[in-house]
Amino acid sequence: MKPEINEIRRRLKDLGATFETERSGYIPVRRRATAKILEYRTYDTTPILRRVRQDVIRNFVYKNIVSVKRFGIIRALLMKECIMYKDPDIRFRITPLYITNVTFHLLSGRITGEIASRFENNSVEGEEGHYEVWRWRACPTDPDLYEWKKIPESAMLRPEYRHICIEENTNATIADIRKSISEYVSKGSYIDVKATFETTGLGDFIWSLLQYFIRGSLTTRDGYDVTVYYRWKGQIQSISRHIDARVVLPVVGSVHWSLD
C-alpha cells in the first residue's frame, strides 16, 4: 500500500497540490470560468392520463363546487356558475450553475461535492371567466359575456427534479441527484438550489477527472427530469418535462483531495 500512496503523492505534486496533512490537501483551480449554455432542449413528458384527470375530471368537479359555494346548496339546484378558462402558460428553465466543495477520495475512487442549479419561472398566470345562469340553460360561448379575473397562484411553481450530470470528455457520471424544493417560486423570479452528490466506482477515471476539474471548468451533458406543481381549477396540478443541456460548468473554489 505504501508504494501506491507514494505514487499518488508524486502525481498530486505534479498537479500542484498543497498538502495540509499527509493524507489531505487541495489543488487551486487554474482559472475562473463562467457558466455557458451550449445547447438546451425541452420535451413534454406529462402522462396522458394525468392530463385527462386534470383537464376534464377536475374541471367538472371544480365547477360544481364553485356553484355550491356561490349559491348555497338549495339555490345551486336552480342556478349554476358558468366558468371559462384561459389556461396558465407554464414556462420554466432549469440549468446548472457551478460545482463546488469538491473532494476527490483517491483511494476509494469517489468524488463528493455540491452542484448548484438555477430554476427560473417565466410562467403567465391563467384566468377564470364567470357567468351566472339558470341551471337548465346552456352556458354562453361568447367570452365577452364573462367576468374575467387572473389567478396569481396558477403561475407559482414548486419544482422537484432528478439531475444527471456527465463529464463530456470521459463520459463519466459526476452526479445523479434528486431534489425537491419546498417553496413556490413566483412568476418572473428564480431560485438557486445546491444539492450534494457522491459518485463512486470511478476507478482510473478519477485522475482524468481531477485534471479536468482543476482547469476551472468542465463541459458537461446534463439531463433534468422535472415535475412542477401549481394551483389551478381549485386543485394542485402538475406537468413534467425532460431537459437536455450541454454546458460549460465552472468549478468554484479549490479542489480538495483525500487519501481515503
C-alpha atoms as a PDB file:
ATOM      1  CA  MET A   1       0.000   0.000   0.000  1.00  0.00           C
ATOM      2  CA  LYS A   2       2.848   2.406   0.799  1.00  0.00           C
ATOM      3  CA  PRO A   3       4.329   2.392  -2.754  1.00  0.00           C
ATOM      4  CA  GLU A   4       0.841   3.151  -4.098  1.00  0.00           C
ATOM      5  CA  ILE A   5       0.413   6.082  -1.714  1.00  0.00           C
ATOM      6  CA  ASN A   6       3.858   7.394  -2.620  1.00  0.00           C
ATOM      7  CA  GLU A   7       2.917   7.266  -6.299  1.00  0.00           C
ATOM      8  CA  ILE A   8      -0.335   9.129  -5.567  1.00  0.00           C
ATOM      9  CA  ARG A   9       1.560  11.814  -3.673  1.00  0.00           C
ATOM     10  CA  ARG A  10       4.014  12.172  -6.559  1.00  0.00           C
ATOM     11  CA  ARG A  11       1.153  12.622  -9.038  1.00  0.00           C
ATOM     12  CA  LEU A  12      -0.503  15.156  -6.742  1.00  0.00           C
ATOM     13  CA  LYS A  13       2.715  17.196  -6.520  1.00  0.00           C
ATOM     14  CA  ASP A  14       2.932  17.175 -10.327  1.00  0.00           C
ATOM     15  CA  LEU A  15      -0.568  18.724 -10.389  1.00  0.00           C
ATOM     16  CA  GLY A  16       0.455  21.496  -7.964  1.00  0.00           C
ATOM     17  CA  ALA A  17      -1.260  20.054  -4.891  1.00  0.00           C
ATOM     18  CA  THR A  18      -0.944  21.590  -1.441  1.00  0.00           C
ATOM     19  CA  PHE A  19      -0.564  19.128   1.461  1.00  0.00           C
ATOM     20  CA  GLU A  20      -2.492  20.277   4.549  1.00  0.00           C
ATOM     21  CA  THR A  21      -1.807  16.905   6.188  1.00  0.00           C
ATOM     22  CA  GLU A  22      -0.097  13.732   4.988  1.00  0.00           C
ATOM     23  CA  ARG A  23      -3.442  12.438   3.754  1.00  0.00           C
ATOM     24  CA  SER A  24      -5.365  15.505   2.617  1.00  0.00           C
ATOM     25  CA  GLY A  25      -4.992  18.858   0.920  1.00  0.00           C
ATOM     26  CA  TYR A  26      -6.186  20.870  -2.050  1.00  0.00           C
ATOM     27  CA  ILE A  27      -5.283  21.959  -5.564  1.00  0.00           C
ATOM     28  CA  PRO A  28      -6.134  25.534  -6.640  1.00  0.00           C
ATOM     29  CA  VAL A  29      -8.105  25.761  -9.887  1.00  0.00           C
ATOM     30  CA  ARG A  30      -6.067  27.310 -12.694  1.00  0.00           C
ATOM     31  CA  ARG A  31      -8.614  29.842 -13.904  1.00  0.00           C
ATOM     32  CA  ARG A  32     -12.002  31.282 -13.083  1.00  0.00           C
ATOM     33  CA  ALA A  33     -14.789  30.466 -15.512  1.00  0.00           C
ATOM     34  CA  THR A  34     -18.419  31.419 -16.006  1.00  0.00           C
ATOM     35  CA  ALA A  35     -21.296  29.118 -16.878  1.00  0.00           C
ATOM     36  CA  LYS A  36     -22.235  28.951 -20.535  1.00  0.00           C
ATOM     37  CA  ILE A  37     -25.184  27.118 -22.091  1.00  0.00           C
ATOM     38  CA  LEU A  38     -24.058  25.462 -25.321  1.00  0.00           C
ATOM     39  CA  GLU A  39     -27.260  23.520 -26.084  1.00  0.00           C
ATOM     40  CA  TYR A  40     -30.703  23.405 -24.471  1.00  0.00           C
ATOM     41  CA  ARG A  41     -33.754  21.300 -25.407  1.00  0.00           C
ATOM     42  CA  THR A  42     -37.053  20.673 -23.610  1.00  0.00           C
ATOM     43  CA  TYR A  43     -39.532  17.788 -24.042  1.00  0.00           C
ATOM     44  CA  ASP A  44     -43.010  17.453 -22.521  1.00  0.00           C
ATOM     45  CA  THR A  45     -43.256  14.162 -20.597  1.00  0.00           C
ATOM     46  CA  THR A  46     -46.571  14.668 -18.752  1.00  0.00           C
ATOM     47  CA  PRO A  47     -48.502  11.347 -18.814  1.00  0.00           C
ATOM     48  CA  ILE A  48     -51.711  11.490 -20.872  1.00  0.00           C
ATOM     49  CA  LEU A  49     -53.832  10.024 -18.049  1.00  0.00           C
ATOM     50  CA  ARG A  50     -52.687  12.806 -15.716  1.00  0.00           C
ATOM     51  CA  ARG A  51     -53.637  15.413 -18.323  1.00  0.00           C
ATOM     52  CA  VAL A  52     -57.136  13.939 -18.736  1.00  0.00           C
ATOM     53  CA  ARG A  53     -57.662  13.782 -14.993  1.00  0.00           C
ATOM     54  CA  GLN A  54     -56.594  17.416 -14.541  1.00  0.00           C
ATOM     55  CA  ASP A  55     -58.261  18.921 -17.604  1.00  0.00           C
ATOM     56  CA  VAL A  56     -61.593  17.055 -17.680  1.00  0.00           C
ATOM     57  CA  ILE A  57     -62.467  15.361 -14.384  1.00  0.00           C
ATOM     58  CA  ARG A  58     -61.204  18.101 -12.070  1.00  0.00           C
ATOM     59  CA  ASN A  59     -62.759  20.730 -14.314  1.00  0.00           C
ATOM     60  CA  PHE A  60     -66.242  19.198 -13.845  1.00  0.00           C
ATOM     61  CA  VAL A  61     -65.812  18.792 -10.077  1.00  0.00           C
ATOM     62  CA  TYR A  62     -64.470  22.339  -9.638  1.00  0.00           C
ATOM     63  CA  LYS A  63     -67.411  23.952 -11.479  1.00  0.00           C
ATOM     64  CA  ASN A  64     -69.923  22.197  -9.215  1.00  0.00           C
ATOM     65  CA  ILE A  65     -68.010  23.164  -6.085  1.00  0.00           C
ATOM     66  CA  VAL A  66     -67.959  26.810  -7.186  1.00  0.00           C
ATOM     67  CA  SER A  67     -71.729  26.793  -7.810  1.00  0.00           C
ATOM     68  CA  VAL A  68     -72.461  25.387  -4.354  1.00  0.00           C
ATOM     69  CA  LYS A  69     -70.134  27.899  -2.661  1.00  0.00           C
ATOM     70  CA  ARG A  70     -71.651  30.826  -4.558  1.00  0.00           C
ATOM     71  CA  PHE A  71     -75.358  29.992  -4.329  1.00  0.00           C
ATOM     72  CA  GLY A  72     -75.614  27.571  -1.402  1.00  0.00           C
ATOM     73  CA  ILE A  73     -76.878  24.000  -1.701  1.00  0.00           C
ATOM     74  CA  ILE A  74     -80.583  24.867  -2.247  1.00  0.00           C
ATOM     75  CA  ARG A  75     -80.105  27.708  -4.747  1.00  0.00           C
ATOM     76  CA  ALA A  76     -77.447  25.724  -6.563  1.00  0.00           C
ATOM     77  CA  LEU A  77     -80.230  23.327  -7.597  1.00  0.00           C
ATOM     78  CA  LEU A  78     -81.673  26.211  -9.660  1.00  0.00           C
ATOM     79  CA  MET A  79     -78.591  28.274 -10.607  1.00  0.00           C
ATOM     80  CA  LYS A  80     -75.177  27.377 -11.874  1.00  0.00           C
ATOM     81  CA  GLU A  81     -71.899  29.171 -12.294  1.00  0.00           C
ATOM     82  CA  CYS A  82     -70.589  29.053 -15.847  1.00  0.00           C
ATOM     83  CA  ILE A  83     -66.800  29.131 -15.951  1.00  0.00           C
ATOM     84  CA  MET A  84     -64.488  29.609 -18.890  1.00  0.00           C
ATOM     85  CA  TYR A  85     -60.721  29.226 -18.614  1.00  0.00           C
ATOM     86  CA  LYS A  86     -57.639  30.731 -20.135  1.00  0.00           C
ATOM     87  CA  ASP A  87     -55.095  28.156 -19.005  1.00  0.00           C
ATOM     88  CA  PRO A  88     -51.825  29.315 -17.459  1.00  0.00           C
ATOM     89  CA  ASP A  89     -48.810  29.221 -19.726  1.00  0.00           C
ATOM     90  CA  ILE A  90     -46.315  27.211 -17.684  1.00  0.00           C
ATOM     91  CA  ARG A  91     -42.796  28.154 -18.686  1.00  0.00           C
ATOM     92  CA  PHE A  92     -39.650  27.440 -16.746  1.00  0.00           C
ATOM     93  CA  ARG A  93     -35.959  26.899 -17.278  1.00  0.00           C
ATOM     94  CA  ILE A  94     -33.510  24.940 -15.139  1.00  0.00           C
ATOM     95  CA  THR A  95     -29.760  24.994 -15.748  1.00  0.00           C
ATOM     96  CA  PRO A  96     -26.631  24.008 -13.836  1.00  0.00           C
ATOM     97  CA  LEU A  97     -24.671  26.976 -12.453  1.00  0.00           C
ATOM     98  CA  TYR A  98     -21.459  25.647 -10.938  1.00  0.00           C
ATOM     99  CA  ILE A  99     -19.883  22.828  -8.988  1.00  0.00           C
ATOM    100  CA  THR A 100     -18.200  23.472  -5.620  1.00  0.00           C
ATOM    101  CA  ASN A 101     -16.880  21.954  -2.374  1.00  0.00           C
ATOM    102  CA  VAL A 102     -15.412  19.095  -4.396  1.00  0.00           C
ATOM    103  CA  THR A 103     -13.262  16.404  -2.784  1.00  0.00           C
ATOM    104  CA  PHE A 104     -11.518  13.594  -4.668  1.00  0.00           C
ATOM    105  CA  HIS A 105     -11.220  10.492  -2.482  1.00  0.00           C
ATOM    106  CA  LEU A 106      -8.354   8.951  -4.374  1.00  0.00           C
ATOM    107  CA  LEU A 107      -8.035   5.503  -2.774  1.00  0.00           C
ATOM    108  CA  SER A 108     -11.741   4.663  -2.903  1.00  0.00           C
ATOM    109  CA  GLY A 109     -12.359   6.217  -6.328  1.00  0.00           C
ATOM    110  CA  ARG A 110     -15.067   8.622  -5.110  1.00  0.00           C
ATOM    111  CA  ILE A 111     -15.959  12.256  -5.672  1.00  0.00           C
ATOM    112  CA  THR A 112     -18.135  14.255  -3.282  1.00  0.00           C
ATOM    113  CA  GLY A 113     -19.313  17.820  -3.627  1.00  0.00           C
ATOM    114  CA  GLU A 114     -22.196  20.140  -4.388  1.00  0.00           C
ATOM    115  CA  ILE A 115     -23.719  21.184  -7.684  1.00  0.00           C
ATOM    116  CA  ALA A 116     -25.884  24.297  -7.971  1.00  0.00           C
ATOM    117  CA  SER A 117     -28.797  24.729 -10.380  1.00  0.00           C
ATOM    118  CA  ARG A 118     -30.974  27.749 -11.166  1.00  0.00           C
ATOM    119  CA  PHE A 119     -34.740  27.335 -11.580  1.00  0.00           C
ATOM    120  CA  GLU A 120     -36.374  30.262 -13.401  1.00  0.00           C
ATOM    121  CA  ASN A 121     -40.148  30.721 -13.515  1.00  0.00           C
ATOM    122  CA  ASN A 122     -41.269  32.512 -16.690  1.00  0.00           C
ATOM    123  CA  SER A 123     -44.920  31.458 -16.489  1.00  0.00           C
ATOM    124  CA  VAL A 124     -48.022  33.532 -17.251  1.00  0.00           C
ATOM    125  CA  GLU A 125     -50.984  33.154 -14.906  1.00  0.00           C
ATOM    126  CA  GLY A 126     -54.279  31.679 -16.035  1.00  0.00           C
ATOM    127  CA  GLU A 127     -57.647  33.447 -15.993  1.00  0.00           C
ATOM    128  CA  GLU A 128     -61.167  32.405 -14.968  1.00  0.00           C
ATOM    129  CA  GLY A 129     -64.296  33.870 -16.523  1.00  0.00           C
ATOM    130  CA  HIS A 130     -67.582  33.663 -14.522  1.00  0.00           C
ATOM    131  CA  TYR A 131     -71.221  33.977 -15.594  1.00  0.00           C
ATOM    132  CA  GLU A 132     -74.451  33.021 -13.784  1.00  0.00           C
ATOM    133  CA  VAL A 133     -77.373  31.241 -15.493  1.00  0.00           C
ATOM    134  CA  TRP A 134     -80.380  29.147 -14.579  1.00  0.00           C
ATOM    135  CA  ARG A 135     -79.289  25.545 -14.261  1.00  0.00           C
ATOM    136  CA  TRP A 136     -81.421  24.367 -17.195  1.00  0.00           C
ATOM    137  CA  ARG A 137     -79.879  26.933 -19.547  1.00  0.00           C
ATOM    138  CA  ALA A 138     -76.715  26.351 -21.532  1.00  0.00           C
ATOM    139  CA  CYS A 139     -73.644  28.355 -20.661  1.00  0.00           C
ATOM    140  CA  PRO A 140     -72.869  31.064 -23.222  1.00  0.00           C
ATOM    141  CA  THR A 141     -69.895  30.518 -25.508  1.00  0.00           C
ATOM    142  CA  ASP A 142     -69.044  34.192 -26.003  1.00  0.00           C
ATOM    143  CA  PRO A 143     -66.029  35.041 -23.768  1.00  0.00           C
ATOM    144  CA  ASP A 144     -67.017  38.721 -23.745  1.00  0.00           C
ATOM    145  CA  LEU A 145     -70.070  37.919 -21.593  1.00  0.00           C
ATOM    146  CA  TYR A 146     -67.931  36.573 -18.772  1.00  0.00           C
ATOM    147  CA  GLU A 147     -66.347  38.477 -15.910  1.00  0.00           C
ATOM    148  CA  TRP A 148     -62.632  37.611 -16.036  1.00  0.00           C
ATOM    149  CA  LYS A 149     -60.077  37.552 -13.250  1.00  0.00           C
ATOM    150  CA  LYS A 150     -56.449  36.457 -13.139  1.00  0.00           C
ATOM    151  CA  ILE A 151     -55.401  33.612 -10.818  1.00  0.00           C
ATOM    152  CA  PRO A 152     -51.922  34.544  -9.500  1.00  0.00           C
ATOM    153  CA  GLU A 153     -51.238  31.180  -7.843  1.00  0.00           C
ATOM    154  CA  SER A 154     -51.622  29.437 -11.210  1.00  0.00           C
ATOM    155  CA  ALA A 155     -48.218  30.851 -12.196  1.00  0.00           C
ATOM    156  CA  MET A 156     -46.426  29.986  -8.924  1.00  0.00           C
ATOM    157  CA  LEU A 157     -44.362  26.826  -9.362  1.00  0.00           C
ATOM    158  CA  ARG A 158     -42.885  24.320  -6.939  1.00  0.00           C
ATOM    159  CA  PRO A 159     -40.343  22.077  -8.695  1.00  0.00           C
ATOM    160  CA  GLU A 160     -38.832  18.709  -7.974  1.00  0.00           C
ATOM    161  CA  TYR A 161     -36.270  17.113 -10.244  1.00  0.00           C
ATOM    162  CA  ARG A 162     -33.669  14.485 -10.958  1.00  0.00           C
ATOM    163  CA  HIS A 163     -30.392  15.776 -12.378  1.00  0.00           C
ATOM    164  CA  ILE A 164     -27.755  13.613 -14.062  1.00  0.00           C
ATOM    165  CA  CYS A 165     -24.500  15.387 -14.906  1.00  0.00           C
ATOM    166  CA  ILE A 166     -21.966  13.690 -17.230  1.00  0.00           C
ATOM    167  CA  GLU A 167     -18.455  14.969 -17.963  1.00  0.00           C
ATOM    168  CA  GLU A 168     -18.204  15.029 -21.739  1.00  0.00           C
ATOM    169  CA  ASN A 169     -14.562  14.049 -22.336  1.00  0.00           C
ATOM    170  CA  THR A 170     -14.532  10.948 -20.121  1.00  0.00           C
ATOM    171  CA  ASN A 171     -18.280  10.154 -20.372  1.00  0.00           C
ATOM    172  CA  ALA A 172     -18.175   9.668 -16.591  1.00  0.00           C
ATOM    173  CA  THR A 173     -21.238  10.441 -14.481  1.00  0.00           C
ATOM    174  CA  ILE A 174     -20.292  13.133 -11.989  1.00  0.00           C
ATOM    175  CA  ALA A 175     -23.612  13.468 -10.189  1.00  0.00           C
ATOM    176  CA  ASP A 176     -27.011  11.804 -10.003  1.00  0.00           C
ATOM    177  CA  ILE A 177     -29.200  13.968  -7.773  1.00  0.00           C
ATOM    178  CA  ARG A 178     -32.850  14.053  -6.718  1.00  0.00           C
ATOM    179  CA  LYS A 179     -34.099  17.326  -5.269  1.00  0.00           C
ATOM    180  CA  SER A 180     -37.472  18.592  -4.080  1.00  0.00           C
ATOM    181  CA  ILE A 181     -37.952  22.311  -3.410  1.00  0.00           C
ATOM    182  CA  SER A 182     -40.439  23.090  -0.647  1.00  0.00           C
ATOM    183  CA  GLU A 183     -41.216  26.696  -1.575  1.00  0.00           C
ATOM    184  CA  TYR A 184     -43.192  28.076  -4.503  1.00  0.00           C
ATOM    185  CA  VAL A 185     -41.316  30.283  -6.971  1.00  0.00           C
ATOM    186  CA  SER A 186     -43.275  33.325  -8.157  1.00  0.00           C
ATOM    187  CA  LYS A 187     -43.522  34.212 -11.836  1.00  0.00           C
ATOM    188  CA  GLY A 188     -40.658  36.363 -13.069  1.00  0.00           C
ATOM    189  CA  SER A 189     -38.301  35.162 -10.330  1.00  0.00           C
ATOM    190  CA  TYR A 190     -35.793  32.372  -9.793  1.00  0.00           C
ATOM    191  CA  ILE A 191     -34.216  30.262  -7.088  1.00  0.00           C
ATOM    192  CA  ASP A 192     -30.673  28.862  -6.876  1.00  0.00           C
ATOM    193  CA  VAL A 193     -30.504  25.415  -5.329  1.00  0.00           C
ATOM    194  CA  LYS A 194     -27.478  23.457  -4.117  1.00  0.00           C
ATOM    195  CA  ALA A 195     -27.570  19.679  -3.959  1.00  0.00           C
ATOM    196  CA  THR A 196     -24.897  17.363  -2.571  1.00  0.00           C
ATOM    197  CA  PHE A 197     -23.624  14.394  -4.539  1.00  0.00           C
ATOM    198  CA  GLU A 198     -21.383  11.380  -4.090  1.00  0.00           C
ATOM    199  CA  THR A 199     -20.103   9.468  -7.103  1.00  0.00           C
ATOM    200  CA  THR A 200     -18.444   6.079  -6.606  1.00  0.00           C
ATOM    201  CA  GLY A 201     -16.710   3.429  -8.685  1.00  0.00           C
ATOM    202  CA  LEU A 202     -14.710   5.840 -10.846  1.00  0.00           C
ATOM    203  CA  GLY A 203     -11.503   3.785 -10.812  1.00  0.00           C
ATOM    204  CA  ASP A 204      -8.800   5.170 -13.141  1.00  0.00           C
ATOM    205  CA  PHE A 205     -11.222   7.821 -14.448  1.00  0.00           C
ATOM    206  CA  ILE A 206     -10.685   9.727 -11.227  1.00  0.00           C
ATOM    207  CA  TRP A 207      -7.283  11.042 -12.326  1.00  0.00           C
ATOM    208  CA  SER A 208      -8.566  12.188 -15.692  1.00  0.00           C
ATOM    209  CA  LEU A 209     -11.483  13.926 -13.986  1.00  0.00           C
ATOM    210  CA  LEU A 210      -9.163  15.559 -11.469  1.00  0.00           C
ATOM    211  CA  GLN A 211      -7.151  17.142 -14.283  1.00  0.00           C
ATOM    212  CA  TYR A 212     -10.340  18.488 -15.895  1.00  0.00           C
ATOM    213  CA  PHE A 213     -11.620  19.842 -12.571  1.00  0.00           C
ATOM    214  CA  ILE A 214      -8.500  21.804 -11.712  1.00  0.00           C
ATOM    215  CA  ARG A 215      -8.649  23.599 -15.070  1.00  0.00           C
ATOM    216  CA  GLY A 216     -11.567  25.546 -13.575  1.00  0.00           C
ATOM    217  CA  SER A 217     -14.428  24.333 -15.766  1.00  0.00           C
ATOM    218  CA  LEU A 218     -15.953  21.201 -17.258  1.00  0.00           C
ATOM    219  CA  THR A 219     -18.001  20.610 -20.374  1.00  0.00           C
ATOM    220  CA  THR A 220     -20.967  18.549 -19.203  1.00  0.00           C
ATOM    221  CA  ARG A 221     -24.095  16.951 -20.603  1.00  0.00           C
ATOM    222  CA  ASP A 222     -26.944  17.492 -18.166  1.00  0.00           C
ATOM    223  CA  GLY A 223     -30.306  15.768 -18.062  1.00  0.00           C
ATOM    224  CA  TYR A 224     -33.155  17.008 -15.862  1.00  0.00           C
ATOM    225  CA  ASP A 225     -36.442  15.206 -15.273  1.00  0.00           C
ATOM    226  CA  VAL A 226     -38.611  17.924 -13.759  1.00  0.00           C
ATOM    227  CA  THR A 227     -42.137  17.975 -12.354  1.00  0.00           C
ATOM    228  CA  VAL A 228     -43.597  21.330 -11.352  1.00  0.00           C
ATOM    229  CA  TYR A 229     -46.682  21.827  -9.182  1.00  0.00           C
ATOM    230  CA  TYR A 230     -49.069  24.792  -9.315  1.00  0.00           C
ATOM    231  CA  ARG A 231     -52.652  25.589  -8.259  1.00  0.00           C
ATOM    232  CA  TRP A 232     -55.337  25.705 -10.937  1.00  0.00           C
ATOM    233  CA  LYS A 233     -59.085  24.924 -11.009  1.00  0.00           C
ATOM    234  CA  GLY A 234     -59.073  24.619  -7.229  1.00  0.00           C
ATOM    235  CA  GLN A 235     -56.540  21.783  -7.234  1.00  0.00           C
ATOM    236  CA  ILE A 236     -52.807  21.203  -7.240  1.00  0.00           C
ATOM    237  CA  GLN A 237     -51.897  20.456 -10.847  1.00  0.00           C
ATOM    238  CA  SER A 238     -48.577  19.261 -12.265  1.00  0.00           C
ATOM    239  CA  ILE A 239     -46.706  18.924 -15.526  1.00  0.00           C
ATOM    240  CA  SER A 240     -43.482  17.044 -16.285  1.00  0.00           C
ATOM    241  CA  ARG A 241     -40.687  17.857 -18.694  1.00  0.00           C
ATOM    242  CA  HIS A 242     -37.315  16.425 -19.645  1.00  0.00           C
ATOM    243  CA  ILE A 243     -34.460  18.808 -20.353  1.00  0.00           C
ATOM    244  CA  ASP A 244     -31.208  18.051 -22.159  1.00  0.00           C
ATOM    245  CA  ALA A 245     -28.431  20.610 -21.878  1.00  0.00           C
ATOM    246  CA  ARG A 246     -24.778  20.865 -22.815  1.00  0.00           C
ATOM    247  CA  VAL A 247     -22.981  23.288 -20.536  1.00  0.00           C
ATOM    248  CA  VAL A 248     -19.614  24.794 -19.640  1.00  0.00           C
ATOM    249  CA  LEU A 249     -19.782  24.278 -15.866  1.00  0.00           C
ATOM    250  CA  PRO A 250     -17.428  26.327 -13.650  1.00  0.00           C
ATOM    251  CA  VAL A 251     -15.586  24.777 -10.711  1.00  0.00           C
ATOM    252  CA  VAL A 252     -15.793  27.227  -7.802  1.00  0.00           C
ATOM    253  CA  GLY A 253     -13.115  27.138  -5.103  1.00  0.00           C
ATOM    254  CA  SER A 254     -10.146  24.814  -4.762  1.00  0.00           C
ATOM    255  CA  VAL A 255     -10.426  21.106  -5.475  1.00  0.00           C
ATOM    256  CA  HIS A 256      -9.749  19.089  -2.329  1.00  0.00           C
ATOM    257  CA  TRP A 257      -8.176  15.649  -2.231  1.00  0.00           C
ATOM    258  CA  SER A 258      -8.051  12.946   0.411  1.00  0.00           C
ATOM    259  CA  LEU A 259      -6.265   9.607   0.734  1.00  0.00           C
ATOM    260  CA  ASP A 260      -9.287   7.583   1.748  1.00  0.00           C
END
